[in-house]
Protein backbone atom coordinates (compact mmCIF):
# COMPACT_ATOMS: atom_id res chain seq x y z
CA MET A 1 18.78 -26.00 7.38
CA ILE A 2 16.19 -23.22 7.36
CA ASN A 3 12.52 -23.95 6.77
CA ILE A 4 11.36 -21.12 4.49
CA VAL A 5 7.92 -20.10 3.23
CA ILE A 6 7.39 -17.48 0.53
CA ILE A 7 4.12 -15.53 0.53
CA GLU A 8 3.90 -13.64 -2.76
CA ASP A 9 1.02 -13.28 -5.22
CA GLU A 10 3.14 -12.30 -8.24
CA LYS A 11 4.38 -15.57 -9.73
CA PRO A 12 7.40 -14.04 -11.54
CA ALA A 13 8.51 -12.35 -8.30
CA ALA A 14 8.05 -15.59 -6.33
CA ARG A 15 10.02 -17.61 -8.91
CA SER A 16 12.78 -15.01 -8.97
CA LEU A 17 13.09 -15.06 -5.17
CA GLU A 18 13.09 -18.86 -5.20
CA ARG A 19 15.92 -18.95 -7.75
CA LYS A 20 17.99 -16.44 -5.77
CA LEU A 21 17.51 -18.45 -2.58
CA ASP A 22 18.51 -21.61 -4.43
CA LYS A 23 21.80 -19.95 -5.46
CA LEU A 24 22.46 -19.31 -1.77
CA GLY A 25 21.76 -22.94 -0.93
CA TYR A 26 18.25 -22.51 0.49
CA THR A 27 14.96 -24.00 -0.66
CA SER A 28 11.47 -22.78 0.17
CA MET A 29 9.00 -25.32 1.54
CA ILE A 30 6.10 -23.78 -0.36
CA ASN A 31 5.06 -20.63 -2.18
CA LEU A 32 1.71 -19.23 -1.02
CA SER A 33 -0.11 -16.58 -3.05
CA SER A 34 -3.13 -15.37 -1.05
CA VAL A 35 -4.41 -14.66 2.44
CA GLU A 36 -6.89 -17.53 2.20
CA GLU A 37 -4.26 -20.03 1.01
CA ALA A 38 -1.80 -18.99 3.71
CA VAL A 39 -4.35 -19.20 6.55
CA GLU A 40 -5.26 -22.73 5.46
CA TRP A 41 -1.61 -23.80 5.17
CA PHE A 42 -0.55 -22.42 8.55
CA GLY A 43 -3.54 -24.10 10.15
CA LEU A 44 -2.39 -27.50 8.91
CA ASN A 45 1.41 -27.30 9.08
CA ASP A 46 4.23 -26.53 11.51
CA GLU A 47 5.56 -22.99 11.50
CA PRO A 48 8.59 -22.33 9.27
CA ASP A 49 11.74 -20.68 10.59
CA LEU A 50 11.54 -17.78 8.17
CA ILE A 51 8.84 -16.15 6.02
CA PHE A 52 9.43 -13.92 3.01
CA LEU A 53 6.30 -11.80 3.06
CA ASP A 54 4.83 -9.50 0.42
CA ILE A 55 2.47 -6.97 2.02
CA GLN A 56 -0.22 -6.68 -0.66
CA LEU A 57 -1.71 -9.96 -1.85
CA SER A 58 -4.45 -10.61 -4.39
CA ASP A 59 -7.18 -10.94 -1.75
CA GLY A 60 -6.00 -8.45 0.87
CA LEU A 61 -3.10 -7.36 3.05
CA SER A 62 -0.86 -10.18 4.23
CA PHE A 63 -1.26 -8.95 7.82
CA GLU A 64 -4.78 -10.41 7.71
CA ILE A 65 -3.19 -13.88 7.73
CA PHE A 66 -1.74 -13.37 11.19
CA GLU A 67 -4.96 -11.95 12.57
CA GLN A 68 -6.51 -15.37 11.88
CA VAL A 69 -3.66 -17.73 12.81
CA LYS A 70 -0.88 -17.37 15.37
CA VAL A 71 2.58 -17.56 13.81
CA ASN A 72 5.86 -16.80 15.58
CA SER A 73 8.17 -17.28 12.60
CA SER A 74 10.76 -14.63 11.79
CA ILE A 75 9.89 -12.36 8.91
CA ILE A 76 11.60 -10.60 6.00
CA PHE A 77 9.32 -8.20 4.15
CA THR A 78 9.48 -7.95 0.38
CA THR A 79 7.77 -4.67 -0.26
CA ALA A 80 7.87 -1.22 -1.85
CA TYR A 81 7.77 1.01 1.25
CA ASP A 82 10.11 3.97 1.10
CA GLU A 83 13.70 3.72 2.24
CA TYR A 84 13.17 5.87 5.35
CA ALA A 85 10.60 3.47 6.77
CA LEU A 86 12.77 0.50 5.93
CA ARG A 87 15.81 1.96 7.64
CA ALA A 88 13.82 2.73 10.78
CA PHE A 89 12.42 -0.76 11.07
CA LYS A 90 15.77 -2.44 10.62
CA LEU A 91 16.41 -1.30 14.21
CA ASN A 92 13.83 -3.85 15.34
CA SER A 93 15.72 -6.77 13.73
CA ILE A 94 13.20 -6.92 10.90
CA ASP A 95 14.64 -6.84 7.41
CA TYR A 96 13.04 -5.49 4.25
CA LEU A 97 13.91 -6.15 0.65
CA LEU A 98 12.78 -3.70 -1.99
CA LYS A 99 11.61 -5.18 -5.26
CA PRO A 100 13.28 -6.09 -7.52
CA ILE A 101 15.30 -7.97 -4.92
CA GLN A 102 19.06 -7.79 -5.33
CA GLU A 103 21.06 -10.96 -4.69
CA ASP A 104 23.56 -9.30 -2.36
CA GLU A 105 20.76 -7.78 -0.25
CA LEU A 106 19.01 -11.14 -0.06
CA LYS A 107 22.26 -12.80 1.04
CA ASN A 108 22.79 -10.16 3.73
CA ALA A 109 19.20 -10.51 4.98
CA VAL A 110 19.43 -14.29 5.35
CA GLU A 111 22.83 -14.01 7.03
CA LYS A 112 21.38 -11.46 9.42
CA PHE A 113 18.62 -13.91 10.27
CA GLN A 114 21.14 -16.70 10.83
CA ASN A 115 23.46 -14.59 12.99
CA ASN A 116 20.68 -13.17 15.14
CA ARG A 117 18.25 -16.05 15.06
CA SER A 118 17.66 -16.23 18.79
CA ALA A 119 17.14 -12.47 19.10
CA ILE A 120 14.69 -11.85 16.28
CA PHE A 121 11.13 -11.05 17.30
CA GLY A 122 8.27 -13.38 16.42
CA PHE A 123 5.84 -12.15 13.81
CA ASN A 124 3.13 -11.04 16.23
CA GLN A 125 5.54 -8.64 17.97
CA GLN A 126 6.85 -7.44 14.61
CA PHE A 127 3.32 -6.87 13.34
CA ASP A 128 2.43 -4.70 16.35
CA LEU A 129 5.61 -2.65 15.94
CA PHE A 130 5.02 -2.27 12.22
CA LYS A 131 1.44 -1.05 12.65
CA GLN A 132 2.51 1.38 15.36
CA PHE A 133 5.36 2.76 13.26
CA MET A 134 3.30 3.16 10.08
CA SER A 135 0.50 4.81 12.06
CA ASN A 136 2.93 7.29 13.60
CA THR A 137 4.59 7.92 10.24
CA ASN A 138 1.39 8.54 8.32
CA THR A 139 -0.18 10.97 10.76
CA VAL A 140 2.39 13.67 10.05
CA GLU A 141 2.39 13.39 6.28
CA TYR A 142 -1.06 14.54 5.20
CA LYS A 143 -1.67 18.13 4.11
CA GLU A 144 -4.50 20.07 5.70
CA ARG A 145 -4.39 23.02 3.29
CA PHE A 146 -3.00 24.10 -0.07
CA ALA A 147 -1.76 27.51 -1.18
CA VAL A 148 -2.75 28.44 -4.75
CA LYS A 149 -2.02 31.55 -6.77
CA VAL A 150 -4.95 33.65 -8.00
CA GLY A 151 -3.58 36.51 -10.05
CA ALA A 152 -1.33 38.48 -7.70
CA GLN A 153 -2.92 36.89 -4.60
CA ILE A 154 -2.29 33.69 -2.68
CA LYS A 155 -5.42 31.79 -1.64
CA ILE A 156 -5.50 29.11 1.07
CA ILE A 157 -7.77 26.12 0.38
CA LEU A 158 -8.57 23.88 3.35
CA ARG A 159 -8.87 20.13 3.01
CA SER A 160 -12.56 20.34 3.93
CA GLU A 161 -13.16 22.62 0.93
CA ILE A 162 -11.76 20.20 -1.64
CA VAL A 163 -14.11 18.27 -3.90
CA CYS A 164 -11.39 16.66 -5.98
CA PHE A 165 -8.05 17.02 -7.69
CA TYR A 166 -7.95 16.48 -11.44
CA SER A 167 -5.56 16.73 -14.36
CA GLU A 168 -6.41 18.43 -17.64
CA ASN A 169 -4.31 19.78 -20.51
CA LYS A 170 -1.04 18.92 -18.71
CA ALA A 171 -2.05 20.87 -15.58
CA THR A 172 -3.42 19.78 -12.20
CA TYR A 173 -6.39 21.49 -10.52
CA ILE A 174 -8.16 21.62 -7.16
CA GLN A 175 -11.95 21.76 -7.44
CA THR A 176 -13.63 23.35 -4.40
CA THR A 177 -17.06 23.11 -2.82
CA GLU A 178 -17.73 26.65 -4.15
CA GLY A 179 -17.58 25.27 -7.67
CA ARG A 180 -14.27 26.91 -8.55
CA SER A 181 -11.05 25.31 -9.75
CA TYR A 182 -7.47 26.41 -9.15
CA ILE A 183 -4.16 25.24 -10.60
CA VAL A 184 -1.96 23.52 -8.02
CA ASP A 185 1.79 22.95 -8.34
CA TYR A 186 1.70 19.18 -7.92
CA ILE A 187 0.95 16.22 -10.14
CA LEU A 188 -1.65 13.63 -9.11
CA GLU A 189 1.01 11.07 -8.19
CA GLU A 190 2.43 13.53 -5.64
CA LEU A 191 -1.00 14.50 -4.33
CA GLU A 192 -1.88 10.85 -3.68
CA LYS A 193 0.89 10.77 -1.07
CA MET A 194 -0.02 14.16 0.43
CA VAL A 195 -3.71 13.59 1.22
CA ASP A 196 -5.28 11.26 3.77
CA PRO A 197 -6.36 8.00 2.03
CA VAL A 198 -9.30 7.78 4.42
CA ASP A 199 -10.74 10.93 2.84
CA PHE A 200 -9.39 10.81 -0.72
CA PHE A 201 -9.29 8.12 -3.40
CA ARG A 202 -7.78 8.08 -6.87
CA VAL A 203 -10.55 6.67 -9.03
CA ASN A 204 -8.61 6.77 -12.31
CA ARG A 205 -5.61 8.44 -13.95
CA LYS A 206 -7.37 11.84 -14.04
CA PHE A 207 -9.21 12.20 -10.70
CA ILE A 208 -8.64 12.00 -6.95
CA VAL A 209 -12.00 12.48 -5.21
CA SER A 210 -13.04 13.40 -1.67
CA ILE A 211 -15.40 11.07 0.18
CA LYS A 212 -17.32 14.09 1.50
CA ALA A 213 -17.96 15.40 -2.01
CA ILE A 214 -19.53 12.28 -3.51
CA LYS A 215 -23.17 12.96 -4.34
CA ASP A 216 -24.20 9.93 -6.44
CA ILE A 217 -22.69 6.64 -7.56
CA TYR A 218 -24.07 4.65 -10.49
CA THR A 219 -23.23 1.31 -12.07
CA TYR A 220 -21.61 1.82 -15.45
CA SER A 221 -20.54 -0.24 -18.44
CA ASN A 222 -17.81 -2.90 -18.24
CA SER A 223 -18.26 -3.38 -14.47
CA ARG A 224 -17.23 0.20 -13.72
CA LEU A 225 -18.84 2.89 -11.56
CA LYS A 226 -19.76 6.48 -12.40
CA ILE A 227 -19.59 9.27 -9.80
CA ASN A 228 -21.27 12.64 -9.48
CA LEU A 229 -19.58 15.10 -7.13
CA ILE A 230 -20.84 18.26 -5.42
CA ASN A 231 -20.75 21.07 -7.98
CA LEU A 232 -19.08 18.82 -10.53
CA GLU A 233 -20.39 16.30 -13.04
CA SER A 234 -17.96 14.95 -15.61
CA ASP A 235 -17.96 12.11 -18.11
CA ASP A 236 -14.45 11.31 -16.90
CA LEU A 237 -15.51 10.61 -13.30
CA ILE A 238 -15.44 6.85 -13.81
CA VAL A 239 -14.00 4.36 -11.33
CA SER A 240 -11.79 2.13 -13.47
CA ARG A 241 -12.67 -1.54 -13.41
CA GLU A 242 -9.47 -2.63 -11.66
CA LYS A 243 -10.18 -0.16 -8.82
CA VAL A 244 -13.87 -0.90 -8.23
CA ASN A 245 -13.36 -3.41 -5.39
CA GLU A 246 -10.82 -1.18 -3.65
CA PHE A 247 -13.15 1.79 -4.08
CA LYS A 248 -16.07 -0.05 -2.48
CA LYS A 249 -13.91 -0.96 0.51
CA TRP A 250 -12.80 2.68 0.79
CA LEU A 251 -16.42 3.83 0.90
CA GLU A 252 -16.97 1.76 4.05
CA LYS A 253 -13.86 2.88 5.98
């Protein structure tokens, strides 16, 4: 018998995982949906053998749980990190299941836990390895400059010169501190992954802004925020309501 806890804030995903485990003959002790709920539960109960852990919960990152309580249970992440990162971390006897979770992958993950039970790291060791790996991975990914075409010339724009990226009329632009804009050959979804999230934040579907370029922030209707940037004021520079809390946390990084 395996004592299993599921930590997942999306109820449909938690129910789906529970059903798939049931087909394999396993039952979860409890489904927890937030950092706060998990901290309280672990403080009052014995550790499970295995935790299925989503990384992003409704009130923060699930890692915050284990910064408040000591847990040595084995872990299987249920997350959306890219396949390269997952493959690398499988070397550390940690398994990852990409959503939506496939039954055969779930079966293999649980069997791997059973077969290697005595050798699998406790969560605290896994957490340290995970943070180290993600830190090393992220440092090499962020672009420091962009090459844009200006007529027959190629102009280099440094990260420090960027006010924001924005989309307009099916094109994507870089706005610079000089007040000029240039078309760039990426869409905003690609740029989000290319720039350092400490310095840049996607406030809505049209804008990614630089922390260094923010001049003013105002409260706005429907619990939103309005931003003025250096050399750029736009009616579309609104932090969408669902991103306001994340934006405020980003401001304080």
